[in-house]
Protein backbone atom coordinates (compact mmCIF):
# COMPACT_ATOMS: atom_id res chain seq x y z
CA MET A 1 16.11 -10.12 4.77
CA LYS A 2 16.02 -10.34 1.19
CA LYS A 3 13.91 -7.58 -0.79
CA GLU A 4 11.93 -10.74 -2.14
CA GLU A 5 10.89 -11.87 1.47
CA ILE A 6 9.90 -8.25 2.25
CA ILE A 7 7.72 -7.42 -1.06
CA LEU A 8 6.16 -11.41 -0.54
CA ARG A 9 5.20 -10.03 3.20
CA VAL A 10 3.90 -6.65 1.90
CA GLU A 11 1.53 -8.40 -1.37
CA SER A 12 0.55 -10.71 1.91
CA ALA A 13 -0.55 -7.78 3.74
CA LEU A 14 -1.96 -6.28 1.22
CA ASP A 15 -4.13 -8.83 0.01
CA SER A 16 -5.67 -9.04 3.92
CA ILE A 17 -7.00 -5.28 2.34
CA ARG A 18 -7.17 -5.83 -1.06
CA PRO A 19 -11.22 -7.26 -0.95
CA TYR A 20 -12.06 -3.77 0.62
CA LEU A 21 -10.49 -1.92 -1.94
CA VAL A 22 -11.62 -4.21 -4.98
CA ALA A 23 -15.41 -3.46 -3.55
CA ASP A 24 -14.74 -0.28 -4.21
CA GLY A 25 -13.68 -0.81 -7.67
CA GLY A 26 -9.98 0.05 -7.04
CA ASN A 27 -7.04 -1.80 -5.60
CA VAL A 28 -3.34 -0.95 -4.81
CA ARG A 29 0.11 -1.91 -6.58
CA VAL A 30 3.41 -2.42 -5.09
CA ILE A 31 5.95 -0.36 -7.87
CA GLU A 32 8.97 -0.60 -5.72
CA ILE A 33 11.36 -1.21 -2.43
CA ASP A 34 14.49 0.43 -2.55
CA GLU A 35 17.19 -0.32 -0.85
CA ASP A 36 16.33 2.16 2.07
CA ASN A 37 13.21 0.12 2.76
CA ILE A 38 11.30 2.80 1.48
CA LEU A 39 8.09 1.90 0.00
CA LYS A 40 6.45 2.94 -2.98
CA LEU A 41 2.64 2.18 -3.95
CA GLU A 42 0.16 3.51 -6.33
CA PHE A 43 -3.99 3.35 -6.05
CA VAL A 44 -4.90 2.10 -9.32
CA GLY A 45 -8.67 2.26 -10.57
CA ALA A 46 -11.20 4.13 -8.22
CA CYS A 47 -8.83 4.24 -5.91
CA GLY A 48 -6.71 6.17 -8.08
CA ASN A 49 -8.96 9.32 -7.76
CA CYS A 50 -11.16 8.95 -5.02
CA PRO A 51 -10.95 11.76 -2.08
CA MET A 52 -11.04 9.39 0.31
CA SER A 53 -7.63 7.65 -0.51
CA THR A 54 -6.18 9.75 2.41
CA MET A 55 -8.13 7.80 4.87
CA THR A 56 -7.96 4.37 3.32
CA PHE A 57 -4.09 5.21 2.96
CA LYS A 58 -3.91 5.49 6.50
CA ALA A 59 -6.41 3.43 8.17
CA GLY A 60 -5.95 0.64 6.14
CA VAL A 61 -2.96 0.02 4.00
CA GLU A 62 -0.29 1.95 5.63
CA GLU A 63 -1.50 0.09 9.12
CA ALA A 64 -2.05 -3.59 7.81
CA ILE A 65 1.41 -2.63 5.94
CA LYS A 66 3.61 -1.63 9.33
CA ARG A 67 1.81 -4.55 11.27
CA ALA A 68 3.16 -6.54 9.09
CA VAL A 69 6.35 -5.34 7.96
CA PRO A 70 8.01 -3.55 10.68
CA GLU A 71 11.55 -3.15 8.36
CA ILE A 72 9.31 -0.80 6.38
CA VAL A 73 10.66 2.60 7.16
CA THR A 74 8.58 4.90 4.77
CA ILE A 75 5.54 4.46 3.14
CA GLU A 76 4.73 6.43 -0.37
CA VAL A 77 1.63 6.37 -2.35
CA VAL A 78 2.95 8.16 -5.96
CA ASN A 79 -0.66 9.26 -6.78
CA LEU A 80 -2.15 10.31 -3.45
CA THR A 81 -5.43 12.10 -3.85
CA THR A 82 -5.62 14.80 -1.17
CA ALA A 83 -9.39 16.10 -0.66
């Protein structure tokens, strides 16, 4: 599968949860998907420094992506805030 196709599917999965992130003043952006299908994301806005970002990532972002794009091996958030 082409990288562009995978990115479109990741973006579609993120679009399903973005309204919840935006409602709290945040968002998430795709940085890259490397040749090993490792996805790098960045939380932006309020999500970038929220103490609940780990839970948001695990329960929302990661779950949505893994369900929609099983080809993704690992998901890393470059600026994940730990509580």
